[in-house]
Amino acid sequence: MDTPAQRDAAIAVFDIDGVVADVRHRLRHLDKRPKDWARFFAAADRDPVLPEGVELALRHAANHVLVWLTGRPEHLRPVTDAWLRQAGLPADLLFMRPARDRRPAKDFKAAQLSLLARESQIAVVVDDDPEVIARLRTLGHPVHLADWVPHSSTLQAAQEQDGKT
């Protein structure tokens, strides 16, 4: 059993898109050629909340430090921060994809978690991308697949091939 100090130091790491934010209304911008990334990202402030993910995040926030690790690009920080706060979620620790970083989500997130694990114990990582979950599991991280929204092949390509979310 963790001591109170260890429990306070443990972090719960959550993805945003497909976990607490429903991006399905934006995927139409990526289904066409060329993909319209500008419109896809411009609609991020209108993402409905995913109640299952919000509830899980708040439950973990009661006993852990909540950390957001998203493949969203850094230029969406103000929109993402405002969206999280409007959804009633803490937004203090938000790690986003740096400009020009096009690594697959599984590589980007594995690298970020490696850095986070140097500073804090990771209690859980919640993500909707099966490839991210598989990679993190092989690295020994405790994972939880967010499966409350069917995973889209369009979103999968954006995360793992395009490296943009």
C-alpha atoms as a PDB file:
ATOM      1  CA  MET A   1       0.000   0.000   0.000  1.00  0.00           C
ATOM      2  CA  ASP A   2       1.313   3.453  -0.894  1.00  0.00           C
ATOM      3  CA  THR A   3       2.031   5.944   1.827  1.00  0.00           C
ATOM      4  CA  PRO A   4       0.139   9.276   1.588  1.00  0.00           C
ATOM      5  CA  ALA A   5       3.309  10.966   0.278  1.00  0.00           C
ATOM      6  CA  GLN A   6       3.760   8.329  -2.444  1.00  0.00           C
ATOM      7  CA  ARG A   7       0.090   8.527  -3.412  1.00  0.00           C
ATOM      8  CA  ASP A   8       0.299  12.317  -3.673  1.00  0.00           C
ATOM      9  CA  ALA A   9       3.320  11.997  -5.960  1.00  0.00           C
ATOM     10  CA  ALA A  10       1.696   9.439  -8.263  1.00  0.00           C
ATOM     11  CA  ILE A  11       0.292  10.752 -11.504  1.00  0.00           C
ATOM     12  CA  ALA A  12      -2.643   9.674 -13.653  1.00  0.00           C
ATOM     13  CA  VAL A  13      -1.899  10.444 -17.292  1.00  0.00           C
ATOM     14  CA  PHE A  14      -4.845  11.010 -19.617  1.00  0.00           C
ATOM     15  CA  ASP A  15      -5.139  11.588 -23.334  1.00  0.00           C
ATOM     16  CA  ILE A  16      -7.795  14.105 -24.428  1.00  0.00           C
ATOM     17  CA  ASP A  17      -9.196  13.279 -27.879  1.00  0.00           C
ATOM     18  CA  GLY A  18     -11.334  10.154 -27.707  1.00  0.00           C
ATOM     19  CA  VAL A  19     -10.951   9.981 -23.928  1.00  0.00           C
ATOM     20  CA  VAL A  20     -12.626  13.115 -22.522  1.00  0.00           C
ATOM     21  CA  ALA A  21     -13.275  15.013 -25.790  1.00  0.00           C
ATOM     22  CA  ASP A  22     -15.505  13.622 -28.532  1.00  0.00           C
ATOM     23  CA  VAL A  23     -13.792  14.489 -31.819  1.00  0.00           C
ATOM     24  CA  ARG A  24     -16.108  12.523 -34.098  1.00  0.00           C
ATOM     25  CA  HIS A  25     -17.766  15.711 -35.395  1.00  0.00           C
ATOM     26  CA  ARG A  26     -14.359  16.893 -36.684  1.00  0.00           C
ATOM     27  CA  LEU A  27     -13.216  13.730 -38.444  1.00  0.00           C
ATOM     28  CA  ARG A  28     -15.028  14.660 -41.667  1.00  0.00           C
ATOM     29  CA  HIS A  29     -12.283  17.223 -42.266  1.00  0.00           C
ATOM     30  CA  LEU A  30      -9.720  14.404 -42.394  1.00  0.00           C
ATOM     31  CA  ASP A  31     -11.748  11.974 -44.506  1.00  0.00           C
ATOM     32  CA  LYS A  32     -11.183  13.989 -47.694  1.00  0.00           C
ATOM     33  CA  ARG A  33      -8.105  14.696 -49.771  1.00  0.00           C
ATOM     34  CA  PRO A  34      -6.339  16.876 -49.071  1.00  0.00           C
ATOM     35  CA  LYS A  35      -7.009  16.673 -45.350  1.00  0.00           C
ATOM     36  CA  ASP A  36      -8.212  19.970 -43.939  1.00  0.00           C
ATOM     37  CA  TRP A  37      -6.161  20.189 -40.774  1.00  0.00           C
ATOM     38  CA  ALA A  38      -7.008  23.865 -40.223  1.00  0.00           C
ATOM     39  CA  ARG A  39     -10.742  23.155 -40.006  1.00  0.00           C
ATOM     40  CA  PHE A  40     -10.164  19.994 -37.986  1.00  0.00           C
ATOM     41  CA  PHE A  41      -8.257  21.927 -35.331  1.00  0.00           C
ATOM     42  CA  ALA A  42     -10.481  25.028 -35.552  1.00  0.00           C
ATOM     43  CA  ALA A  43     -13.445  22.970 -34.356  1.00  0.00           C
ATOM     44  CA  ALA A  44     -11.671  21.632 -31.237  1.00  0.00           C
ATOM     45  CA  ASP A  45     -13.397  24.153 -28.991  1.00  0.00           C
ATOM     46  CA  ARG A  46     -16.749  22.583 -29.903  1.00  0.00           C
ATOM     47  CA  ASP A  47     -15.908  19.007 -28.900  1.00  0.00           C
ATOM     48  CA  PRO A  48     -18.634  17.499 -26.728  1.00  0.00           C
ATOM     49  CA  VAL A  49     -17.428  15.944 -23.479  1.00  0.00           C
ATOM     50  CA  LEU A  50     -17.305  12.192 -23.138  1.00  0.00           C
ATOM     51  CA  PRO A  51     -18.962  11.599 -19.743  1.00  0.00           C
ATOM     52  CA  GLU A  52     -17.218   8.242 -19.180  1.00  0.00           C
ATOM     53  CA  GLY A  53     -13.801   9.806 -19.634  1.00  0.00           C
ATOM     54  CA  VAL A  54     -14.554  12.892 -17.566  1.00  0.00           C
ATOM     55  CA  GLU A  55     -15.859  10.732 -14.724  1.00  0.00           C
ATOM     56  CA  LEU A  56     -12.775   8.508 -14.841  1.00  0.00           C
ATOM     57  CA  ALA A  57     -10.431  11.510 -14.929  1.00  0.00           C
ATOM     58  CA  LEU A  58     -12.141  13.130 -11.942  1.00  0.00           C
ATOM     59  CA  ARG A  59     -12.061   9.845 -10.039  1.00  0.00           C
ATOM     60  CA  HIS A  60      -8.302   9.568 -10.612  1.00  0.00           C
ATOM     61  CA  ALA A  61      -7.775  13.264  -9.826  1.00  0.00           C
ATOM     62  CA  ALA A  62      -9.159  12.627  -6.327  1.00  0.00           C
ATOM     63  CA  ASN A  63      -6.107  10.473  -5.467  1.00  0.00           C
ATOM     64  CA  HIS A  64      -3.448  11.413  -8.005  1.00  0.00           C
ATOM     65  CA  VAL A  65      -2.012  14.371  -9.828  1.00  0.00           C
ATOM     66  CA  LEU A  66      -3.840  14.537 -13.154  1.00  0.00           C
ATOM     67  CA  VAL A  67      -1.573  15.023 -16.170  1.00  0.00           C
ATOM     68  CA  TRP A  68      -2.796  15.496 -19.734  1.00  0.00           C
ATOM     69  CA  LEU A  69      -0.632  14.021 -22.484  1.00  0.00           C
ATOM     70  CA  THR A  70      -2.092  14.780 -25.883  1.00  0.00           C
ATOM     71  CA  GLY A  71      -0.923  14.573 -29.447  1.00  0.00           C
ATOM     72  CA  ARG A  72      -2.689  17.886 -30.125  1.00  0.00           C
ATOM     73  CA  PRO A  73      -0.224  20.449 -31.451  1.00  0.00           C
ATOM     74  CA  GLU A  74       1.132  23.090 -29.113  1.00  0.00           C
ATOM     75  CA  HIS A  75      -0.654  25.913 -30.938  1.00  0.00           C
ATOM     76  CA  LEU A  76      -3.940  24.518 -29.555  1.00  0.00           C
ATOM     77  CA  ARG A  77      -2.875  25.079 -25.931  1.00  0.00           C
ATOM     78  CA  PRO A  78      -5.223  28.051 -25.260  1.00  0.00           C
ATOM     79  CA  VAL A  79      -8.209  26.243 -26.817  1.00  0.00           C
ATOM     80  CA  THR A  80      -7.403  22.988 -25.030  1.00  0.00           C
ATOM     81  CA  ASP A  81      -6.839  24.675 -21.673  1.00  0.00           C
ATOM     82  CA  ALA A  82     -10.157  26.544 -21.949  1.00  0.00           C
ATOM     83  CA  TRP A  83     -11.989  23.398 -23.060  1.00  0.00           C
ATOM     84  CA  LEU A  84     -10.648  21.350 -20.118  1.00  0.00           C
ATOM     85  CA  ARG A  85     -11.603  24.052 -17.609  1.00  0.00           C
ATOM     86  CA  GLN A  86     -15.070  24.452 -19.143  1.00  0.00           C
ATOM     87  CA  ALA A  87     -15.526  20.686 -18.801  1.00  0.00           C
ATOM     88  CA  GLY A  88     -14.712  20.998 -15.090  1.00  0.00           C
ATOM     89  CA  LEU A  89     -11.334  19.311 -15.392  1.00  0.00           C
ATOM     90  CA  PRO A  90      -8.034  20.478 -13.919  1.00  0.00           C
ATOM     91  CA  ALA A  91      -5.782  21.823 -16.655  1.00  0.00           C
ATOM     92  CA  ASP A  92      -2.586  22.685 -14.802  1.00  0.00           C
ATOM     93  CA  LEU A  93      -0.382  19.946 -16.265  1.00  0.00           C
ATOM     94  CA  LEU A  94      -0.861  19.818 -20.022  1.00  0.00           C
ATOM     95  CA  PHE A  95       1.778  18.244 -22.273  1.00  0.00           C
ATOM     96  CA  MET A  96       1.231  18.777 -26.004  1.00  0.00           C
ATOM     97  CA  ARG A  97       2.992  17.868 -29.229  1.00  0.00           C
ATOM     98  CA  PRO A  98       5.701  20.413 -30.122  1.00  0.00           C
ATOM     99  CA  ALA A  99       5.552  22.161 -33.485  1.00  0.00           C
ATOM    100  CA  ARG A 100       6.994  20.062 -36.314  1.00  0.00           C
ATOM    101  CA  ASP A 101       6.928  16.846 -34.242  1.00  0.00           C
ATOM    102  CA  ARG A 102       5.329  14.291 -36.567  1.00  0.00           C
ATOM    103  CA  ARG A 103       6.245  11.084 -34.763  1.00  0.00           C
ATOM    104  CA  PRO A 104       3.480   8.515 -34.446  1.00  0.00           C
ATOM    105  CA  ALA A 105       1.461   9.015 -31.252  1.00  0.00           C
ATOM    106  CA  LYS A 106       2.857   5.801 -29.775  1.00  0.00           C
ATOM    107  CA  ASP A 107       6.426   7.109 -30.150  1.00  0.00           C
ATOM    108  CA  PHE A 108       5.677  10.659 -29.011  1.00  0.00           C
ATOM    109  CA  LYS A 109       3.784   9.488 -25.926  1.00  0.00           C
ATOM    110  CA  ALA A 110       6.303   6.789 -25.002  1.00  0.00           C
ATOM    111  CA  ALA A 111       9.081   9.389 -25.031  1.00  0.00           C
ATOM    112  CA  GLN A 112       7.059  11.849 -22.948  1.00  0.00           C
ATOM    113  CA  LEU A 113       6.120   9.161 -20.425  1.00  0.00           C
ATOM    114  CA  SER A 114       9.763   8.195 -20.095  1.00  0.00           C
ATOM    115  CA  LEU A 115      10.482  11.770 -19.010  1.00  0.00           C
ATOM    116  CA  LEU A 116       7.466  11.920 -16.685  1.00  0.00           C
ATOM    117  CA  ALA A 117       8.406   8.586 -15.071  1.00  0.00           C
ATOM    118  CA  ARG A 118      11.773  10.060 -14.043  1.00  0.00           C
ATOM    119  CA  GLU A 119       9.939  12.598 -11.882  1.00  0.00           C
ATOM    120  CA  SER A 120       6.823  10.771 -10.684  1.00  0.00           C
ATOM    121  CA  GLN A 121       5.301   7.374 -10.180  1.00  0.00           C
ATOM    122  CA  ILE A 122       2.762   6.681 -12.926  1.00  0.00           C
ATOM    123  CA  ALA A 123      -0.424   5.180 -11.508  1.00  0.00           C
ATOM    124  CA  VAL A 124      -2.229   4.810 -14.842  1.00  0.00           C
ATOM    125  CA  VAL A 125      -2.157   5.979 -18.458  1.00  0.00           C
ATOM    126  CA  VAL A 126      -5.567   6.293 -20.145  1.00  0.00           C
ATOM    127  CA  ASP A 127      -5.610   6.507 -23.942  1.00  0.00           C
ATOM    128  CA  ASP A 128      -7.998   5.582 -26.756  1.00  0.00           C
ATOM    129  CA  ASP A 129      -5.324   4.561 -29.270  1.00  0.00           C
ATOM    130  CA  PRO A 130      -4.730   0.784 -29.186  1.00  0.00           C
ATOM    131  CA  GLU A 131      -1.229   1.260 -30.640  1.00  0.00           C
ATOM    132  CA  VAL A 132      -0.312   3.690 -27.847  1.00  0.00           C
ATOM    133  CA  ILE A 133      -1.692   1.289 -25.249  1.00  0.00           C
ATOM    134  CA  ALA A 134       0.230  -1.652 -26.739  1.00  0.00           C
ATOM    135  CA  ARG A 135       3.522   0.292 -26.809  1.00  0.00           C
ATOM    136  CA  LEU A 136       3.126   1.598 -23.261  1.00  0.00           C
ATOM    137  CA  ARG A 137       2.194  -1.848 -21.961  1.00  0.00           C
ATOM    138  CA  THR A 138       5.414  -3.301 -23.441  1.00  0.00           C
ATOM    139  CA  LEU A 139       7.330  -0.546 -21.629  1.00  0.00           C
ATOM    140  CA  GLY A 140       5.750  -1.596 -18.335  1.00  0.00           C
ATOM    141  CA  HIS A 141       3.361   1.303 -17.841  1.00  0.00           C
ATOM    142  CA  PRO A 142      -0.029   0.627 -16.220  1.00  0.00           C
ATOM    143  CA  VAL A 143      -2.551   1.327 -18.971  1.00  0.00           C
ATOM    144  CA  HIS A 144      -6.302   1.629 -19.452  1.00  0.00           C
ATOM    145  CA  LEU A 145      -7.818   1.584 -22.937  1.00  0.00           C
ATOM    146  CA  ALA A 146     -10.547   4.210 -23.313  1.00  0.00           C
ATOM    147  CA  ASP A 147     -13.006   2.163 -25.331  1.00  0.00           C
ATOM    148  CA  TRP A 148     -16.231   4.104 -24.785  1.00  0.00           C
ATOM    149  CA  VAL A 149     -16.072   5.529 -28.333  1.00  0.00           C
ATOM    150  CA  PRO A 150     -15.331   3.197 -31.241  1.00  0.00           C
ATOM    151  CA  HIS A 151     -11.818   3.958 -32.423  1.00  0.00           C
ATOM    152  CA  SER A 152     -11.930   5.523 -35.876  1.00  0.00           C
ATOM    153  CA  SER A 153      -9.564   4.543 -38.674  1.00  0.00           C
ATOM    154  CA  THR A 154      -9.456   8.262 -39.617  1.00  0.00           C
ATOM    155  CA  LEU A 155      -8.311   9.208 -36.111  1.00  0.00           C
ATOM    156  CA  GLN A 156      -5.907   6.254 -36.094  1.00  0.00           C
ATOM    157  CA  ALA A 157      -4.245   7.543 -39.267  1.00  0.00           C
ATOM    158  CA  ALA A 158      -4.033  11.077 -37.842  1.00  0.00           C
ATOM    159  CA  GLN A 159      -2.384   9.760 -34.686  1.00  0.00           C
ATOM    160  CA  GLU A 160      -0.073   7.089 -36.040  1.00  0.00           C
ATOM    161  CA  GLN A 161       0.653   8.020 -39.675  1.00  0.00           C
ATOM    162  CA  ASP A 162       0.255  11.790 -39.893  1.00  0.00           C
ATOM    163  CA  GLY A 163       1.562  12.450 -36.372  1.00  0.00           C
ATOM    164  CA  LYS A 164      -0.706  15.448 -35.927  1.00  0.00           C
ATOM    165  CA  THR A 165      -2.951  14.532 -33.024  1.00  0.00           C
END
